[in-house]
Amino acid sequence: MTRVKAREQLKEPRIIITEEEICYHPNLLKLEVNHEELAAFLDDGRKTSIPISWFKEWGHKNIKPEQLEKYEIWDGKTIHFPIIDAHVGVEVFTEGLKGICPNCH
């Protein structure tokens, strides 16, 4: 009877994914505002938009497009609207109102 040496147990390589990689979001380049929506231009080439009516979901009633025309982009990830003191993250444009990544916050 031949004895077979036991092989070393094969180990799968460990893949380490950082939180930033799990929740990667492109950077915001610019924003366009019209009467119905905000359109974000992203550094991955996409243009995506959200309706202005979503501000009601965030507790901002009776928002007028003119109030959103003045904005600041912070670090490519957040839009600050100083007139109404509101912030919108890029993930809202990439994932939607209800689909915000739980690991990003």
C-alpha atoms as a PDB file:
ATOM      1  CA  MET A   1       0.000   0.000   0.000  1.00  0.00           C
ATOM      2  CA  THR A   2       1.402   3.357  -1.032  1.00  0.00           C
ATOM      3  CA  ARG A   3       1.127   6.203   1.363  1.00  0.00           C
ATOM      4  CA  VAL A   4       0.228   9.528  -0.109  1.00  0.00           C
ATOM      5  CA  LYS A   5       1.591  12.537   1.645  1.00  0.00           C
ATOM      6  CA  ALA A   6      -1.069  14.933   2.765  1.00  0.00           C
ATOM      7  CA  ARG A   7      -0.972  18.103   0.786  1.00  0.00           C
ATOM      8  CA  GLU A   8      -0.845  21.396   2.513  1.00  0.00           C
ATOM      9  CA  GLN A   9      -4.240  22.829   2.688  1.00  0.00           C
ATOM     10  CA  LEU A  10      -4.656  25.298  -0.136  1.00  0.00           C
ATOM     11  CA  LYS A  11      -5.471  28.726   1.126  1.00  0.00           C
ATOM     12  CA  GLU A  12      -7.457  31.151  -0.925  1.00  0.00           C
ATOM     13  CA  PRO A  13      -5.820  34.523  -1.269  1.00  0.00           C
ATOM     14  CA  ARG A  14      -7.186  37.128   1.085  1.00  0.00           C
ATOM     15  CA  ILE A  15      -8.779  40.025  -0.639  1.00  0.00           C
ATOM     16  CA  ILE A  16      -8.882  43.148   1.431  1.00  0.00           C
ATOM     17  CA  ILE A  17     -11.280  45.809   0.277  1.00  0.00           C
ATOM     18  CA  THR A  18     -11.275  49.159   1.960  1.00  0.00           C
ATOM     19  CA  GLU A  19     -14.428  51.090   2.714  1.00  0.00           C
ATOM     20  CA  GLU A  20     -13.479  53.601   0.030  1.00  0.00           C
ATOM     21  CA  GLU A  21     -13.377  50.829  -2.578  1.00  0.00           C
ATOM     22  CA  ILE A  22     -16.730  49.411  -1.496  1.00  0.00           C
ATOM     23  CA  CYS A  23     -18.359  52.812  -1.716  1.00  0.00           C
ATOM     24  CA  TYR A  24     -16.508  54.366  -4.609  1.00  0.00           C
ATOM     25  CA  HIS A  25     -18.300  57.356  -6.027  1.00  0.00           C
ATOM     26  CA  PRO A  26     -17.038  59.549  -8.857  1.00  0.00           C
ATOM     27  CA  ASN A  27     -16.332  63.208  -8.284  1.00  0.00           C
ATOM     28  CA  LEU A  28     -18.782  65.957  -9.089  1.00  0.00           C
ATOM     29  CA  LEU A  29     -17.464  68.354 -11.716  1.00  0.00           C
ATOM     30  CA  LYS A  30     -20.360  70.767 -12.143  1.00  0.00           C
ATOM     31  CA  LEU A  31     -24.076  71.131 -11.648  1.00  0.00           C
ATOM     32  CA  GLU A  32     -26.889  72.478 -13.799  1.00  0.00           C
ATOM     33  CA  VAL A  33     -30.191  73.607 -12.318  1.00  0.00           C
ATOM     34  CA  ASN A  34     -33.498  73.899 -14.144  1.00  0.00           C
ATOM     35  CA  HIS A  35     -37.092  74.185 -12.924  1.00  0.00           C
ATOM     36  CA  GLU A  36     -37.510  70.468 -12.347  1.00  0.00           C
ATOM     37  CA  GLU A  37     -34.131  68.902 -11.644  1.00  0.00           C
ATOM     38  CA  LEU A  38     -30.472  69.148 -10.717  1.00  0.00           C
ATOM     39  CA  ALA A  39     -28.111  67.610 -13.273  1.00  0.00           C
ATOM     40  CA  ALA A  40     -24.676  66.552 -12.044  1.00  0.00           C
ATOM     41  CA  PHE A  41     -21.714  66.058 -14.355  1.00  0.00           C
ATOM     42  CA  LEU A  42     -19.376  63.390 -12.972  1.00  0.00           C
ATOM     43  CA  ASP A  43     -15.694  62.757 -13.632  1.00  0.00           C
ATOM     44  CA  ASP A  44     -16.436  59.269 -14.973  1.00  0.00           C
ATOM     45  CA  GLY A  45     -18.273  60.855 -17.923  1.00  0.00           C
ATOM     46  CA  ARG A  46     -21.831  60.460 -16.685  1.00  0.00           C
ATOM     47  CA  LYS A  47     -24.499  63.109 -16.434  1.00  0.00           C
ATOM     48  CA  THR A  48     -27.150  62.145 -13.928  1.00  0.00           C
ATOM     49  CA  SER A  49     -29.979  64.086 -12.377  1.00  0.00           C
ATOM     50  CA  ILE A  50     -32.349  64.191  -9.428  1.00  0.00           C
ATOM     51  CA  PRO A  51     -35.691  65.992  -9.156  1.00  0.00           C
ATOM     52  CA  ILE A  52     -35.817  69.168  -7.093  1.00  0.00           C
ATOM     53  CA  SER A  53     -38.875  67.684  -5.372  1.00  0.00           C
ATOM     54  CA  TRP A  54     -36.522  65.409  -3.391  1.00  0.00           C
ATOM     55  CA  PHE A  55     -35.622  68.382  -1.219  1.00  0.00           C
ATOM     56  CA  LYS A  56     -39.080  67.973   0.349  1.00  0.00           C
ATOM     57  CA  GLU A  57     -37.995  64.503   1.515  1.00  0.00           C
ATOM     58  CA  TRP A  58     -35.082  66.187   3.295  1.00  0.00           C
ATOM     59  CA  GLY A  59     -37.299  68.710   5.052  1.00  0.00           C
ATOM     60  CA  HIS A  60     -36.856  71.670   2.678  1.00  0.00           C
ATOM     61  CA  LYS A  61     -40.327  72.803   1.617  1.00  0.00           C
ATOM     62  CA  ASN A  62     -41.093  75.155  -1.270  1.00  0.00           C
ATOM     63  CA  ILE A  63     -37.600  75.108  -2.790  1.00  0.00           C
ATOM     64  CA  LYS A  64     -37.285  77.301  -5.852  1.00  0.00           C
ATOM     65  CA  PRO A  65     -34.673  76.530  -8.528  1.00  0.00           C
ATOM     66  CA  GLU A  66     -33.210  80.026  -8.039  1.00  0.00           C
ATOM     67  CA  GLN A  67     -32.269  79.032  -4.481  1.00  0.00           C
ATOM     68  CA  LEU A  68     -30.136  76.195  -5.864  1.00  0.00           C
ATOM     69  CA  GLU A  69     -28.279  78.154  -8.519  1.00  0.00           C
ATOM     70  CA  LYS A  70     -25.639  79.273  -6.033  1.00  0.00           C
ATOM     71  CA  TYR A  71     -23.714  76.196  -4.901  1.00  0.00           C
ATOM     72  CA  GLU A  72     -20.268  75.027  -3.856  1.00  0.00           C
ATOM     73  CA  ILE A  73     -18.727  71.626  -4.596  1.00  0.00           C
ATOM     74  CA  TRP A  74     -16.764  70.372  -1.613  1.00  0.00           C
ATOM     75  CA  ASP A  75     -13.971  67.859  -2.334  1.00  0.00           C
ATOM     76  CA  GLY A  76     -15.842  66.603  -5.399  1.00  0.00           C
ATOM     77  CA  LYS A  77     -18.233  64.640  -3.185  1.00  0.00           C
ATOM     78  CA  THR A  78     -20.730  67.094  -1.704  1.00  0.00           C
ATOM     79  CA  ILE A  79     -22.737  70.011  -3.050  1.00  0.00           C
ATOM     80  CA  HIS A  80     -23.448  72.783  -0.556  1.00  0.00           C
ATOM     81  CA  PHE A  81     -26.344  75.159  -1.198  1.00  0.00           C
ATOM     82  CA  PRO A  82     -25.627  78.163   1.059  1.00  0.00           C
ATOM     83  CA  ILE A  83     -28.935  79.980   0.492  1.00  0.00           C
ATOM     84  CA  ILE A  84     -30.929  77.108   2.016  1.00  0.00           C
ATOM     85  CA  ASP A  85     -28.025  75.646   4.058  1.00  0.00           C
ATOM     86  CA  ALA A  86     -28.388  72.185   2.527  1.00  0.00           C
ATOM     87  CA  HIS A  87     -25.911  69.515   1.418  1.00  0.00           C
ATOM     88  CA  VAL A  88     -26.325  66.793  -1.206  1.00  0.00           C
ATOM     89  CA  GLY A  89     -23.748  64.033  -1.621  1.00  0.00           C
ATOM     90  CA  VAL A  90     -22.703  62.570  -4.950  1.00  0.00           C
ATOM     91  CA  GLU A  91     -24.122  59.198  -3.832  1.00  0.00           C
ATOM     92  CA  VAL A  92     -27.638  60.628  -4.154  1.00  0.00           C
ATOM     93  CA  PHE A  93     -26.948  61.156  -7.865  1.00  0.00           C
ATOM     94  CA  THR A  94     -25.352  57.720  -8.337  1.00  0.00           C
ATOM     95  CA  GLU A  95     -27.608  55.600  -6.097  1.00  0.00           C
ATOM     96  CA  GLY A  96     -30.861  57.491  -5.731  1.00  0.00           C
ATOM     97  CA  LEU A  97     -32.870  58.751  -2.805  1.00  0.00           C
ATOM     98  CA  LYS A  98     -33.471  55.387  -1.126  1.00  0.00           C
ATOM     99  CA  GLY A  99     -30.394  53.502  -2.309  1.00  0.00           C
ATOM    100  CA  ILE A 100     -27.663  55.312  -0.403  1.00  0.00           C
ATOM    101  CA  CYS A 101     -24.787  52.995   0.463  1.00  0.00           C
ATOM    102  CA  PRO A 102     -24.889  52.251   4.237  1.00  0.00           C
ATOM    103  CA  ASN A 103     -21.108  51.799   4.402  1.00  0.00           C
ATOM    104  CA  CYS A 104     -20.461  55.341   3.181  1.00  0.00           C
ATOM    105  CA  HIS A 105     -22.023  57.080   6.154  1.00  0.00           C
END
